[in-house]
Amino acid sequence: MKTLIVLLLVLGAAIAVTYPLMQPKEDKLPVINPTDVKEEMMDAEVLRLGYGHTIGSFSFKDQLGRIVTDEDVDDKIYVAEYFFTTCGTICPKMNKQMQRVHKAYSGVDDFMILSFTVNPEVDSVEQMKRYADGHKVDHDQWRFLTGTREKLYELARKSFFVLKPAEAQNLGDAGSDFIHTNNFVLVDKQKRIRGYYDGTSTEEVDKMILDIKRLQEE
């Protein structure tokens, strides 16, 4: 009887040690390159790159009038979105979800949120400040960015790949397309795209919140 008990204890200990090793490891998030995205989502010039894509350089003003560049997100994980402050359709839903992300990672030094306007003619620094204050944001962690339409849209097409023809609207006298996408873009510390998420979906944003944690653990 004692021998049987000893054998059972030994067997139990062996299972306890080996069971975690037998479990499948969770795969890393994919690194998204131009070849992984529909051609309509990007500038043709970038499509030729194929692999090794990273977010390009940029320089815009935030809601406090501070210059924000790509160097400000060096060695940080961040989520990017395109929106405009007077949007009454999907943007309020998106930024309600983004507030959840902001709360989940409040005070985390290696995480930021970048919200780029698609309507800089209206979204001045002062307008963005009013909008940010209305969302009770940490002005250092969540940056609302404005600048020239040309540079904002170039970044959308050539870096974040968030422009679809179906999401383009004519602005009349402005004579330009109008980016209006519900995508949140998750970017890692090496400035690589690691995921796209529907910013109006609670389930998708739940997944993104978990994926941010996965990136922190890489």
N, C-alpha and C. Protein backbone atom coordinates (compact mmCIF):
# COMPACT_ATOMS: atom_id res chain seq x y z
N MET A 1 0.83 -1.21 0.00
CA MET A 1 0.00 0.00 0.00
C MET A 1 0.87 1.26 0.00
N LYS A 2 1.90 1.24 0.84
CA LYS A 2 2.80 2.39 0.90
C LYS A 2 3.49 2.61 -0.44
N THR A 3 3.86 1.47 -1.07
CA THR A 3 4.53 1.58 -2.38
C THR A 3 3.61 2.22 -3.40
N LEU A 4 2.33 1.84 -3.38
CA LEU A 4 1.34 2.40 -4.31
C LEU A 4 1.18 3.89 -4.09
N ILE A 5 1.13 4.30 -2.82
CA ILE A 5 0.99 5.73 -2.50
C ILE A 5 2.19 6.52 -3.01
N VAL A 6 3.38 5.94 -2.80
CA VAL A 6 4.59 6.61 -3.28
C VAL A 6 4.58 6.75 -4.79
N LEU A 7 4.17 5.68 -5.47
CA LEU A 7 4.11 5.71 -6.93
C LEU A 7 3.12 6.77 -7.43
N LEU A 8 1.99 6.87 -6.74
CA LEU A 8 0.97 7.86 -7.12
C LEU A 8 1.50 9.28 -6.90
N LEU A 9 2.22 9.48 -5.80
CA LEU A 9 2.78 10.80 -5.53
C LEU A 9 3.81 11.18 -6.57
N VAL A 10 4.65 10.22 -6.95
CA VAL A 10 5.68 10.47 -7.97
C VAL A 10 5.02 10.78 -9.31
N LEU A 11 3.99 9.99 -9.66
CA LEU A 11 3.28 10.20 -10.91
C LEU A 11 2.62 11.57 -10.93
N GLY A 12 2.01 11.97 -9.80
CA GLY A 12 1.36 13.27 -9.71
C GLY A 12 2.35 14.41 -9.88
N ALA A 13 3.50 14.26 -9.27
CA ALA A 13 4.53 15.30 -9.40
C ALA A 13 5.03 15.41 -10.83
N ALA A 14 5.18 14.26 -11.49
CA ALA A 14 5.65 14.27 -12.88
C ALA A 14 4.64 14.95 -13.79
N ILE A 15 3.37 14.68 -13.56
CA ILE A 15 2.32 15.31 -14.37
C ILE A 15 2.30 16.82 -14.13
N ALA A 16 2.46 17.22 -12.88
CA ALA A 16 2.44 18.65 -12.54
C ALA A 16 3.57 19.40 -13.24
N VAL A 17 4.73 18.72 -13.39
CA VAL A 17 5.87 19.36 -14.02
C VAL A 17 5.73 19.39 -15.54
N THR A 18 5.28 18.27 -16.11
CA THR A 18 5.26 18.16 -17.58
C THR A 18 4.01 18.74 -18.23
N TYR A 19 2.89 18.84 -17.51
CA TYR A 19 1.63 19.29 -18.13
C TYR A 19 1.75 20.69 -18.73
N PRO A 20 2.32 21.68 -18.00
CA PRO A 20 2.44 23.02 -18.61
C PRO A 20 3.30 23.01 -19.88
N LEU A 21 4.31 22.12 -19.90
CA LEU A 21 5.19 22.06 -21.07
C LEU A 21 4.49 21.47 -22.27
N MET A 22 3.45 20.67 -22.01
CA MET A 22 2.71 20.02 -23.10
C MET A 22 1.67 20.93 -23.72
N GLN A 23 1.34 22.04 -23.06
CA GLN A 23 0.31 22.92 -23.57
C GLN A 23 0.84 23.74 -24.74
N PRO A 24 0.01 23.92 -25.79
CA PRO A 24 0.46 24.71 -26.94
C PRO A 24 0.70 26.17 -26.53
N LYS A 25 1.84 26.72 -26.99
CA LYS A 25 2.13 28.10 -26.69
C LYS A 25 1.32 29.02 -27.60
N GLU A 26 0.88 30.14 -27.03
CA GLU A 26 0.11 31.08 -27.82
C GLU A 26 1.03 31.75 -28.84
N ASP A 27 0.61 31.74 -30.11
CA ASP A 27 1.43 32.35 -31.15
C ASP A 27 1.54 33.84 -30.93
N LYS A 28 2.66 34.39 -31.41
CA LYS A 28 2.82 35.84 -31.37
C LYS A 28 1.86 36.49 -32.36
N LEU A 29 1.55 37.73 -32.10
CA LEU A 29 0.74 38.47 -33.05
C LEU A 29 1.49 38.59 -34.37
N PRO A 30 0.79 38.53 -35.48
CA PRO A 30 1.47 38.66 -36.77
C PRO A 30 2.05 40.06 -36.95
N VAL A 31 3.09 40.14 -37.75
CA VAL A 31 3.62 41.43 -38.20
C VAL A 31 3.00 41.69 -39.57
N ILE A 32 2.26 42.78 -39.68
CA ILE A 32 1.51 43.04 -40.91
C ILE A 32 2.34 43.88 -41.87
N ASN A 33 2.50 43.36 -43.08
CA ASN A 33 3.26 44.00 -44.14
C ASN A 33 2.32 44.35 -45.30
N PRO A 34 2.80 45.16 -46.24
CA PRO A 34 1.95 45.52 -47.39
C PRO A 34 1.35 44.32 -48.12
N THR A 35 2.08 43.22 -48.20
CA THR A 35 1.57 42.04 -48.89
C THR A 35 0.42 41.37 -48.15
N ASP A 36 0.21 41.74 -46.88
CA ASP A 36 -0.86 41.14 -46.08
C ASP A 36 -2.15 41.96 -46.13
N VAL A 37 -2.12 43.10 -46.78
CA VAL A 37 -3.24 44.02 -46.78
C VAL A 37 -3.80 44.16 -48.20
N LYS A 38 -5.10 44.34 -48.31
CA LYS A 38 -5.71 44.51 -49.63
C LYS A 38 -5.10 45.72 -50.34
N GLU A 39 -4.89 45.58 -51.62
CA GLU A 39 -4.23 46.63 -52.39
C GLU A 39 -4.95 47.96 -52.28
N GLU A 40 -6.28 47.92 -52.16
CA GLU A 40 -7.04 49.16 -52.11
C GLU A 40 -6.81 49.96 -50.83
N MET A 41 -6.13 49.33 -49.86
CA MET A 41 -5.93 49.97 -48.57
C MET A 41 -4.70 50.86 -48.52
N MET A 42 -3.89 50.90 -49.58
CA MET A 42 -2.61 51.59 -49.46
C MET A 42 -2.21 52.28 -50.75
N ASP A 43 -1.18 53.05 -50.63
CA ASP A 43 -0.56 53.70 -51.76
C ASP A 43 0.22 52.66 -52.57
N ALA A 44 0.13 52.75 -53.91
CA ALA A 44 0.79 51.77 -54.78
C ALA A 44 2.29 51.74 -54.55
N GLU A 45 2.87 52.88 -54.21
CA GLU A 45 4.31 52.97 -53.97
C GLU A 45 4.74 52.06 -52.83
N VAL A 46 3.91 51.98 -51.78
CA VAL A 46 4.24 51.16 -50.62
C VAL A 46 4.05 49.68 -50.93
N LEU A 47 3.07 49.37 -51.76
CA LEU A 47 2.79 47.98 -52.10
C LEU A 47 4.02 47.30 -52.67
N ARG A 48 4.84 48.02 -53.39
CA ARG A 48 6.03 47.45 -54.01
C ARG A 48 7.08 47.05 -52.97
N LEU A 49 7.00 47.61 -51.77
CA LEU A 49 7.95 47.27 -50.72
C LEU A 49 7.83 45.81 -50.32
N GLY A 50 6.59 45.36 -50.16
CA GLY A 50 6.34 43.95 -49.83
C GLY A 50 6.48 43.64 -48.35
N TYR A 51 7.74 43.62 -47.86
CA TYR A 51 8.00 43.23 -46.47
C TYR A 51 8.84 44.30 -45.76
N GLY A 52 8.93 44.16 -44.45
CA GLY A 52 9.76 45.07 -43.67
C GLY A 52 9.15 46.43 -43.44
N HIS A 53 7.81 46.52 -43.51
CA HIS A 53 7.16 47.83 -43.37
C HIS A 53 7.18 48.32 -41.92
N THR A 54 7.47 49.60 -41.73
CA THR A 54 7.33 50.27 -40.44
C THR A 54 6.64 51.61 -40.66
N ILE A 55 6.05 52.14 -39.61
CA ILE A 55 5.38 53.43 -39.70
C ILE A 55 6.41 54.52 -39.99
N GLY A 56 6.10 55.38 -40.96
CA GLY A 56 7.03 56.41 -41.38
C GLY A 56 7.13 57.57 -40.39
N SER A 57 8.01 58.47 -40.69
CA SER A 57 8.20 59.64 -39.83
C SER A 57 7.03 60.60 -39.98
N PHE A 58 6.75 61.35 -38.93
CA PHE A 58 5.67 62.34 -38.97
C PHE A 58 5.94 63.44 -37.95
N SER A 59 5.24 64.54 -38.11
CA SER A 59 5.35 65.66 -37.18
C SER A 59 4.04 66.43 -37.21
N PHE A 60 3.31 66.43 -36.09
CA PHE A 60 2.04 67.13 -35.98
C PHE A 60 1.95 67.83 -34.63
N LYS A 61 0.93 68.65 -34.46
CA LYS A 61 0.68 69.30 -33.17
C LYS A 61 -0.41 68.55 -32.43
N ASP A 62 -0.25 68.46 -31.10
CA ASP A 62 -1.29 67.83 -30.30
C ASP A 62 -2.23 68.86 -29.71
N GLN A 63 -3.12 68.42 -28.84
CA GLN A 63 -4.17 69.28 -28.28
C GLN A 63 -3.63 70.38 -27.37
N LEU A 64 -2.37 70.27 -26.97
CA LEU A 64 -1.75 71.32 -26.16
C LEU A 64 -0.79 72.18 -26.98
N GLY A 65 -0.78 71.95 -28.29
CA GLY A 65 0.09 72.72 -29.16
C GLY A 65 1.53 72.23 -29.19
N ARG A 66 1.78 71.07 -28.60
CA ARG A 66 3.12 70.51 -28.59
C ARG A 66 3.39 69.76 -29.90
N ILE A 67 4.61 69.83 -30.39
CA ILE A 67 4.99 69.07 -31.57
C ILE A 67 5.18 67.61 -31.17
N VAL A 68 4.49 66.72 -31.87
CA VAL A 68 4.61 65.28 -31.63
C VAL A 68 5.16 64.65 -32.90
N THR A 69 6.25 63.89 -32.77
CA THR A 69 6.85 63.23 -33.91
C THR A 69 6.91 61.72 -33.65
N ASP A 70 7.37 61.01 -34.67
CA ASP A 70 7.54 59.56 -34.53
C ASP A 70 8.55 59.22 -33.43
N GLU A 71 9.43 60.14 -33.11
CA GLU A 71 10.41 59.89 -32.04
C GLU A 71 9.74 59.81 -30.67
N ASP A 72 8.56 60.43 -30.54
CA ASP A 72 7.85 60.39 -29.26
C ASP A 72 7.27 59.01 -28.98
N VAL A 73 7.18 58.16 -30.00
CA VAL A 73 6.67 56.80 -29.78
C VAL A 73 7.79 55.77 -29.94
N ASP A 74 9.04 56.23 -29.93
CA ASP A 74 10.16 55.28 -29.91
C ASP A 74 10.04 54.38 -28.69
N ASP A 75 10.16 53.09 -28.91
CA ASP A 75 10.12 52.10 -27.82
C ASP A 75 8.80 52.13 -27.05
N LYS A 76 7.71 52.47 -27.76
CA LYS A 76 6.38 52.44 -27.16
C LYS A 76 5.42 51.64 -28.04
N ILE A 77 4.47 51.01 -27.40
CA ILE A 77 3.33 50.41 -28.09
C ILE A 77 2.27 51.49 -28.18
N TYR A 78 1.62 51.60 -29.34
CA TYR A 78 0.55 52.59 -29.41
C TYR A 78 -0.58 52.14 -30.33
N VAL A 79 -1.73 52.75 -30.11
CA VAL A 79 -2.90 52.55 -30.97
C VAL A 79 -3.16 53.84 -31.72
N ALA A 80 -3.36 53.73 -33.02
CA ALA A 80 -3.65 54.90 -33.86
C ALA A 80 -5.07 54.80 -34.41
N GLU A 81 -5.70 55.94 -34.55
CA GLU A 81 -7.01 56.02 -35.18
C GLU A 81 -7.08 57.31 -35.99
N TYR A 82 -8.02 57.32 -36.95
CA TYR A 82 -8.35 58.54 -37.69
C TYR A 82 -9.80 58.88 -37.40
N PHE A 83 -10.05 60.14 -37.07
CA PHE A 83 -11.38 60.57 -36.66
C PHE A 83 -11.51 62.06 -36.94
N PHE A 84 -12.68 62.65 -36.61
CA PHE A 84 -12.78 64.11 -36.57
C PHE A 84 -13.77 64.51 -35.49
N THR A 85 -13.54 65.64 -34.88
CA THR A 85 -14.26 65.99 -33.65
C THR A 85 -15.74 66.25 -33.86
N THR A 86 -16.14 66.64 -35.07
CA THR A 86 -17.55 66.95 -35.32
C THR A 86 -18.31 65.77 -35.90
N CYS A 87 -17.67 64.63 -35.99
CA CYS A 87 -18.32 63.42 -36.50
C CYS A 87 -19.42 62.98 -35.54
N GLY A 88 -20.60 62.72 -36.11
CA GLY A 88 -21.72 62.30 -35.27
C GLY A 88 -22.12 60.86 -35.49
N THR A 89 -21.33 60.12 -36.28
CA THR A 89 -21.70 58.74 -36.60
C THR A 89 -20.82 57.75 -35.84
N ILE A 90 -19.71 57.31 -36.47
CA ILE A 90 -18.92 56.26 -35.82
C ILE A 90 -17.90 56.78 -34.81
N CYS A 91 -17.49 58.04 -34.93
CA CYS A 91 -16.42 58.54 -34.06
C CYS A 91 -16.78 58.52 -32.57
N PRO A 92 -18.00 58.94 -32.20
CA PRO A 92 -18.33 58.85 -30.77
C PRO A 92 -18.27 57.43 -30.24
N LYS A 93 -18.69 56.46 -31.06
CA LYS A 93 -18.61 55.05 -30.65
C LYS A 93 -17.15 54.62 -30.50
N MET A 94 -16.34 55.04 -31.47
CA MET A 94 -14.92 54.67 -31.44
C MET A 94 -14.22 55.23 -30.22
N ASN A 95 -14.44 56.50 -29.93
CA ASN A 95 -13.72 57.10 -28.81
C ASN A 95 -14.29 56.71 -27.45
N LYS A 96 -15.53 56.23 -27.44
CA LYS A 96 -16.05 55.62 -26.22
C LYS A 96 -15.28 54.32 -25.94
N GLN A 97 -15.02 53.56 -27.00
CA GLN A 97 -14.23 52.34 -26.86
C GLN A 97 -12.77 52.67 -26.53
N MET A 98 -12.25 53.73 -27.17
CA MET A 98 -10.86 54.11 -26.91
C MET A 98 -10.67 54.54 -25.46
N GLN A 99 -11.71 55.12 -24.87
CA GLN A 99 -11.62 55.48 -23.45
C GLN A 99 -11.41 54.25 -22.58
N ARG A 100 -11.99 53.12 -22.99
CA ARG A 100 -11.78 51.86 -22.27
C ARG A 100 -10.31 51.44 -22.35
N VAL A 101 -9.72 51.59 -23.53
CA VAL A 101 -8.31 51.26 -23.72
C VAL A 101 -7.45 52.19 -22.86
N HIS A 102 -7.78 53.47 -22.89
CA HIS A 102 -7.07 54.48 -22.11
C HIS A 102 -7.11 54.15 -20.62
N LYS A 103 -8.26 53.74 -20.15
CA LYS A 103 -8.42 53.39 -18.73
C LYS A 103 -7.63 52.13 -18.40
N ALA A 104 -7.65 51.15 -19.30
CA ALA A 104 -6.96 49.87 -19.04
C ALA A 104 -5.46 50.05 -18.92
N TYR A 105 -4.90 51.05 -19.63
CA TYR A 105 -3.45 51.25 -19.61
C TYR A 105 -3.06 52.62 -19.08
N SER A 106 -3.91 53.17 -18.25
CA SER A 106 -3.63 54.47 -17.65
C SER A 106 -2.34 54.43 -16.85
N GLY A 107 -1.45 55.39 -17.13
CA GLY A 107 -0.21 55.49 -16.38
C GLY A 107 0.88 54.53 -16.81
N VAL A 108 0.62 53.73 -17.83
CA VAL A 108 1.63 52.78 -18.33
C VAL A 108 2.59 53.54 -19.25
N ASP A 109 3.84 53.57 -18.89
CA ASP A 109 4.82 54.42 -19.58
C ASP A 109 5.07 54.04 -21.03
N ASP A 110 4.97 52.75 -21.34
CA ASP A 110 5.33 52.32 -22.70
C ASP A 110 4.12 52.17 -23.61
N PHE A 111 3.03 52.88 -23.28
CA PHE A 111 1.83 52.82 -24.11
C PHE A 111 1.28 54.22 -24.37
N MET A 112 0.83 54.45 -25.64
CA MET A 112 0.21 55.73 -26.00
C MET A 112 -0.94 55.50 -26.97
N ILE A 113 -1.78 56.52 -27.10
CA ILE A 113 -2.85 56.55 -28.10
C ILE A 113 -2.64 57.78 -28.96
N LEU A 114 -2.70 57.61 -30.27
CA LEU A 114 -2.58 58.72 -31.22
C LEU A 114 -3.86 58.80 -32.04
N SER A 115 -4.58 59.91 -31.90
CA SER A 115 -5.82 60.14 -32.65
C SER A 115 -5.57 61.25 -33.67
N PHE A 116 -5.50 60.87 -34.95
CA PHE A 116 -5.22 61.81 -36.03
C PHE A 116 -6.54 62.33 -36.60
N THR A 117 -6.66 63.64 -36.76
CA THR A 117 -7.86 64.17 -37.38
C THR A 117 -7.82 63.99 -38.89
N VAL A 118 -9.00 63.82 -39.49
CA VAL A 118 -9.11 63.79 -40.95
C VAL A 118 -9.67 65.11 -41.47
N ASN A 119 -9.96 66.02 -40.55
CA ASN A 119 -10.58 67.30 -40.94
C ASN A 119 -9.84 68.45 -40.26
N PRO A 120 -8.58 68.67 -40.63
CA PRO A 120 -7.77 69.66 -39.93
C PRO A 120 -8.26 71.10 -40.11
N GLU A 121 -9.06 71.34 -41.15
CA GLU A 121 -9.59 72.69 -41.34
C GLU A 121 -10.48 73.10 -40.17
N VAL A 122 -11.14 72.14 -39.57
CA VAL A 122 -11.99 72.39 -38.40
C VAL A 122 -11.25 72.06 -37.11
N ASP A 123 -10.51 70.98 -37.13
CA ASP A 123 -9.87 70.47 -35.92
C ASP A 123 -8.53 71.17 -35.65
N SER A 124 -8.63 72.39 -35.20
CA SER A 124 -7.45 73.16 -34.79
C SER A 124 -6.95 72.63 -33.44
N VAL A 125 -5.82 73.15 -33.00
CA VAL A 125 -5.30 72.78 -31.69
C VAL A 125 -6.34 73.07 -30.61
N GLU A 126 -6.97 74.23 -30.70
CA GLU A 126 -7.96 74.63 -29.69
C GLU A 126 -9.17 73.69 -29.69
N GLN A 127 -9.62 73.32 -30.90
CA GLN A 127 -10.75 72.40 -31.01
C GLN A 127 -10.40 71.02 -30.46
N MET A 128 -9.20 70.57 -30.74
CA MET A 128 -8.77 69.27 -30.23
C MET A 128 -8.64 69.29 -28.70
N LYS A 129 -8.21 70.42 -28.16
CA LYS A 129 -8.11 70.55 -26.71
C LYS A 129 -9.49 70.44 -26.07
N ARG A 130 -10.48 71.10 -26.66
CA ARG A 130 -11.85 71.01 -26.13
C ARG A 130 -12.35 69.56 -26.18
N TYR A 131 -12.05 68.90 -27.27
CA TYR A 131 -12.49 67.51 -27.44
C TYR A 131 -11.79 66.60 -26.43
N ALA A 132 -10.49 66.77 -26.27
CA ALA A 132 -9.72 65.96 -25.33
C ALA A 132 -10.20 66.18 -23.90
N ASP A 133 -10.44 67.44 -23.54
CA ASP A 133 -10.92 67.74 -22.20
C ASP A 133 -12.29 67.10 -21.96
N GLY A 134 -13.11 67.07 -23.01
CA GLY A 134 -14.43 66.45 -22.90
C GLY A 134 -14.36 64.96 -22.65
N HIS A 135 -13.24 64.35 -23.05
CA HIS A 135 -13.04 62.92 -22.84
C HIS A 135 -12.17 62.64 -21.61
N LYS A 136 -11.80 63.70 -20.88
CA LYS A 136 -11.05 63.55 -19.63
C LYS A 136 -9.80 62.68 -19.80
N VAL A 137 -8.98 63.07 -20.78
CA VAL A 137 -7.83 62.24 -21.10
C VAL A 137 -6.59 62.69 -20.35
N ASP A 138 -5.62 61.79 -20.25
CA ASP A 138 -4.27 62.12 -19.82
C ASP A 138 -3.58 62.71 -21.05
N HIS A 139 -3.29 64.00 -21.02
CA HIS A 139 -2.78 64.68 -22.21
C HIS A 139 -1.40 64.19 -22.64
N ASP A 140 -0.70 63.48 -21.78
CA ASP A 140 0.60 62.94 -22.16
C ASP A 140 0.48 61.56 -22.80
N GLN A 141 -0.56 60.84 -22.44
CA GLN A 141 -0.70 59.47 -22.95
C GLN A 141 -1.59 59.38 -24.18
N TRP A 142 -2.58 60.26 -24.28
CA TRP A 142 -3.51 60.24 -25.43
C TRP A 142 -3.36 61.56 -26.17
N ARG A 143 -2.76 61.51 -27.35
CA ARG A 143 -2.48 62.71 -28.13
C ARG A 143 -3.47 62.83 -29.29
N PHE A 144 -4.12 63.98 -29.40
CA PHE A 144 -5.01 64.28 -30.52
C PHE A 144 -4.23 65.17 -31.48
N LEU A 145 -3.99 64.66 -32.70
CA LEU A 145 -3.01 65.28 -33.59
C LEU A 145 -3.65 65.95 -34.80
N THR A 146 -3.16 67.14 -35.10
CA THR A 146 -3.64 67.89 -36.26
C THR A 146 -2.44 68.47 -37.01
N GLY A 147 -2.67 68.78 -38.28
CA GLY A 147 -1.60 69.31 -39.12
C GLY A 147 -2.15 69.58 -40.51
N THR A 148 -1.32 69.46 -41.52
CA THR A 148 -1.80 69.68 -42.88
C THR A 148 -2.52 68.44 -43.38
N ARG A 149 -3.56 68.67 -44.17
CA ARG A 149 -4.31 67.55 -44.74
C ARG A 149 -3.39 66.62 -45.53
N GLU A 150 -2.49 67.20 -46.31
CA GLU A 150 -1.60 66.40 -47.16
C GLU A 150 -0.80 65.41 -46.32
N LYS A 151 -0.20 65.88 -45.23
CA LYS A 151 0.64 65.02 -44.41
C LYS A 151 -0.17 63.99 -43.63
N LEU A 152 -1.32 64.40 -43.13
CA LEU A 152 -2.18 63.48 -42.39
C LEU A 152 -2.64 62.32 -43.28
N TYR A 153 -3.03 62.66 -44.50
CA TYR A 153 -3.55 61.63 -45.41
C TYR A 153 -2.43 60.77 -45.97
N GLU A 154 -1.28 61.37 -46.19
CA GLU A 154 -0.14 60.60 -46.67
C GLU A 154 0.24 59.52 -45.65
N LEU A 155 0.22 59.88 -44.39
CA LEU A 155 0.54 58.92 -43.33
C LEU A 155 -0.51 57.80 -43.30
N ALA A 156 -1.77 58.16 -43.51
CA ALA A 156 -2.83 57.15 -43.51
C ALA A 156 -2.65 56.14 -44.63
N ARG A 157 -2.29 56.62 -45.80
CA ARG A 157 -2.14 55.74 -46.96
C ARG A 157 -0.84 54.94 -46.93
N LYS A 158 0.26 55.61 -46.61
CA LYS A 158 1.57 54.99 -46.77
C LYS A 158 2.09 54.29 -45.52
N SER A 159 1.48 54.57 -44.37
CA SER A 159 1.97 53.95 -43.14
C SER A 159 0.93 53.07 -42.46
N PHE A 160 -0.27 53.61 -42.23
CA PHE A 160 -1.28 52.86 -41.47
C PHE A 160 -2.21 52.03 -42.34
N PHE A 161 -2.28 52.32 -43.64
CA PHE A 161 -3.14 51.58 -44.58
C PHE A 161 -4.61 51.58 -44.15
N VAL A 162 -5.17 52.75 -43.93
CA VAL A 162 -6.54 52.84 -43.45
C VAL A 162 -7.50 53.53 -44.42
N LEU A 163 -7.11 53.67 -45.68
CA LEU A 163 -7.99 54.31 -46.64
C LEU A 163 -8.57 53.29 -47.61
N LYS A 164 -9.89 53.20 -47.63
CA LYS A 164 -10.60 52.37 -48.60
C LYS A 164 -11.42 53.29 -49.51
N PRO A 165 -11.59 52.94 -50.79
CA PRO A 165 -12.40 53.77 -51.67
C PRO A 165 -13.82 53.99 -51.14
N ALA A 166 -14.39 52.95 -50.53
CA ALA A 166 -15.77 53.06 -50.04
C ALA A 166 -15.87 54.02 -48.85
N GLU A 167 -14.75 54.33 -48.24
CA GLU A 167 -14.75 55.23 -47.09
C GLU A 167 -14.33 56.64 -47.46
N ALA A 168 -14.16 56.89 -48.74
CA ALA A 168 -13.77 58.22 -49.19
C ALA A 168 -15.01 59.02 -49.59
N GLN A 169 -15.07 60.26 -49.16
CA GLN A 169 -16.18 61.14 -49.48
C GLN A 169 -15.63 62.42 -50.07
N ASN A 170 -16.36 63.00 -51.00
CA ASN A 170 -15.92 64.25 -51.60
C ASN A 170 -16.28 65.42 -50.70
N LEU A 171 -15.32 66.31 -50.51
CA LEU A 171 -15.53 67.47 -49.65
C LEU A 171 -15.84 68.74 -50.42
N GLY A 172 -16.29 68.58 -51.66
CA GLY A 172 -16.67 69.75 -52.44
C GLY A 172 -15.50 70.66 -52.72
N ASP A 173 -15.53 71.87 -52.15
CA ASP A 173 -14.49 72.86 -52.41
C ASP A 173 -13.12 72.40 -51.93
N ALA A 174 -13.11 71.49 -50.95
CA ALA A 174 -11.83 70.99 -50.46
C ALA A 174 -11.14 70.14 -51.51
N GLY A 175 -11.97 69.52 -52.39
CA GLY A 175 -11.43 68.78 -53.51
C GLY A 175 -10.53 67.63 -53.12
N SER A 176 -10.88 66.93 -52.08
CA SER A 176 -10.02 65.83 -51.64
C SER A 176 -10.87 64.71 -51.07
N ASP A 177 -10.25 63.52 -51.00
CA ASP A 177 -10.94 62.41 -50.36
C ASP A 177 -11.01 62.66 -48.85
N PHE A 178 -11.85 61.87 -48.20
CA PHE A 178 -12.11 62.10 -46.78
C PHE A 178 -12.04 60.76 -46.06
N ILE A 179 -10.98 60.51 -45.37
CA ILE A 179 -10.80 59.24 -44.68
C ILE A 179 -11.79 59.16 -43.51
N HIS A 180 -12.52 58.07 -43.46
CA HIS A 180 -13.49 57.90 -42.39
C HIS A 180 -13.55 56.41 -42.08
N THR A 181 -12.60 55.93 -41.31
CA THR A 181 -12.48 54.50 -41.05
C THR A 181 -12.73 54.18 -39.59
N ASN A 182 -13.27 52.99 -39.35
CA ASN A 182 -13.51 52.56 -37.98
C ASN A 182 -12.35 51.73 -37.43
N ASN A 183 -11.27 51.62 -38.17
CA ASN A 183 -10.15 50.78 -37.75
C ASN A 183 -9.27 51.45 -36.69
N PHE A 184 -8.96 50.68 -35.64
CA PHE A 184 -7.87 51.00 -34.74
C PHE A 184 -6.67 50.20 -35.22
N VAL A 185 -5.49 50.82 -35.19
CA VAL A 185 -4.27 50.16 -35.66
C VAL A 185 -3.32 50.00 -34.48
N LEU A 186 -2.93 48.77 -34.22
CA LEU A 186 -2.01 48.48 -33.11
C LEU A 186 -0.58 48.41 -33.64
N VAL A 187 0.30 49.22 -33.05
CA VAL A 187 1.69 49.33 -33.51
C VAL A 187 2.62 48.95 -32.36
N ASP A 188 3.65 48.16 -32.68
CA ASP A 188 4.56 47.71 -31.62
C ASP A 188 5.75 48.67 -31.43
N LYS A 189 6.66 48.29 -30.55
CA LYS A 189 7.79 49.16 -30.20
C LYS A 189 8.79 49.33 -31.34
N GLN A 190 8.71 48.45 -32.32
CA GLN A 190 9.56 48.56 -33.51
C GLN A 190 8.84 49.29 -34.65
N LYS A 191 7.68 49.88 -34.34
CA LYS A 191 6.87 50.65 -35.30
C LYS A 191 6.32 49.78 -36.42
N ARG A 192 6.03 48.53 -36.08
CA ARG A 192 5.42 47.60 -37.03
C ARG A 192 3.94 47.45 -36.71
N ILE A 193 3.10 47.31 -37.72
CA ILE A 193 1.67 47.08 -37.50
C ILE A 193 1.47 45.65 -37.04
N ARG A 194 0.75 45.46 -35.94
CA ARG A 194 0.52 44.13 -35.40
C ARG A 194 -0.95 43.74 -35.38
N GLY A 195 -1.85 44.68 -35.74
CA GLY A 195 -3.25 44.30 -35.79
C GLY A 195 -4.17 45.45 -36.15
N TYR A 196 -5.33 45.08 -36.74
CA TYR A 196 -6.40 46.02 -37.02
C TYR A 196 -7.64 45.56 -36.25
N TYR A 197 -8.39 46.51 -35.70
CA TYR A 197 -9.54 46.18 -34.86
C TYR A 197 -10.68 47.15 -35.17
N ASP A 198 -11.89 46.63 -35.17
CA ASP A 198 -13.07 47.47 -35.38
C ASP A 198 -13.29 48.30 -34.11
N GLY A 199 -13.06 49.60 -34.23
CA GLY A 199 -13.15 50.48 -33.06
C GLY A 199 -14.56 50.73 -32.57
N THR A 200 -15.56 50.22 -33.27
CA THR A 200 -16.95 50.35 -32.80
C THR A 200 -17.43 49.09 -32.10
N SER A 201 -16.58 48.06 -32.05
CA SER A 201 -16.98 46.76 -31.51
C SER A 201 -16.35 46.52 -30.14
N THR A 202 -17.18 46.27 -29.15
CA THR A 202 -16.68 45.97 -27.81
C THR A 202 -15.81 44.72 -27.82
N GLU A 203 -16.25 43.70 -28.56
CA GLU A 203 -15.51 42.44 -28.60
C GLU A 203 -14.14 42.63 -29.24
N GLU A 204 -14.08 43.40 -30.33
CA GLU A 204 -12.81 43.63 -31.00
C GLU A 204 -11.86 44.44 -30.11
N VAL A 205 -12.40 45.41 -29.42
CA VAL A 205 -11.56 46.23 -28.55
C VAL A 205 -11.11 45.43 -27.33
N ASP A 206 -11.96 44.54 -26.84
CA ASP A 206 -11.54 43.63 -25.77
C ASP A 206 -10.31 42.84 -26.21
N LYS A 207 -10.34 42.34 -27.43
CA LYS A 207 -9.23 41.57 -27.97
C LYS A 207 -7.98 42.45 -28.08
N MET A 208 -8.16 43.69 -28.53
CA MET A 208 -7.02 44.58 -28.66
C MET A 208 -6.38 44.87 -27.31
N ILE A 209 -7.19 45.05 -26.30
CA ILE A 209 -6.66 45.31 -24.95
C ILE A 209 -5.78 44.14 -24.50
N LEU A 210 -6.21 42.92 -24.79
CA LEU A 210 -5.41 41.75 -24.45
C LEU A 210 -4.15 41.66 -25.33
N ASP A 211 -4.29 42.04 -26.60
CA ASP A 211 -3.15 41.98 -27.51
C ASP A 211 -2.07 43.00 -27.15
N ILE A 212 -2.47 44.12 -26.60
CA ILE A 212 -1.48 45.10 -26.12
C ILE A 212 -0.63 44.46 -25.03
N LYS A 213 -1.28 43.73 -24.15
CA LYS A 213 -0.56 43.03 -23.08
C LYS A 213 0.40 42.00 -23.67
N ARG A 214 -0.04 41.30 -24.71
CA ARG A 214 0.82 40.31 -25.36
C ARG A 214 2.08 40.97 -25.93
N LEU A 215 1.90 42.13 -26.52
CA LEU A 215 3.06 42.84 -27.06
C LEU A 215 4.02 43.26 -25.95
N GLN A 216 3.47 43.68 -24.82
CA GLN A 216 4.33 44.07 -23.70
C GLN A 216 5.16 42.89 -23.20
N GLU A 217 4.67 41.70 -23.37
CA GLU A 217 5.35 40.52 -22.86
C GLU A 217 6.31 39.90 -23.87
N GLU A 218 6.33 40.42 -25.09
CA GLU A 218 7.24 39.86 -26.11
C GLU A 218 8.70 40.14 -25.75
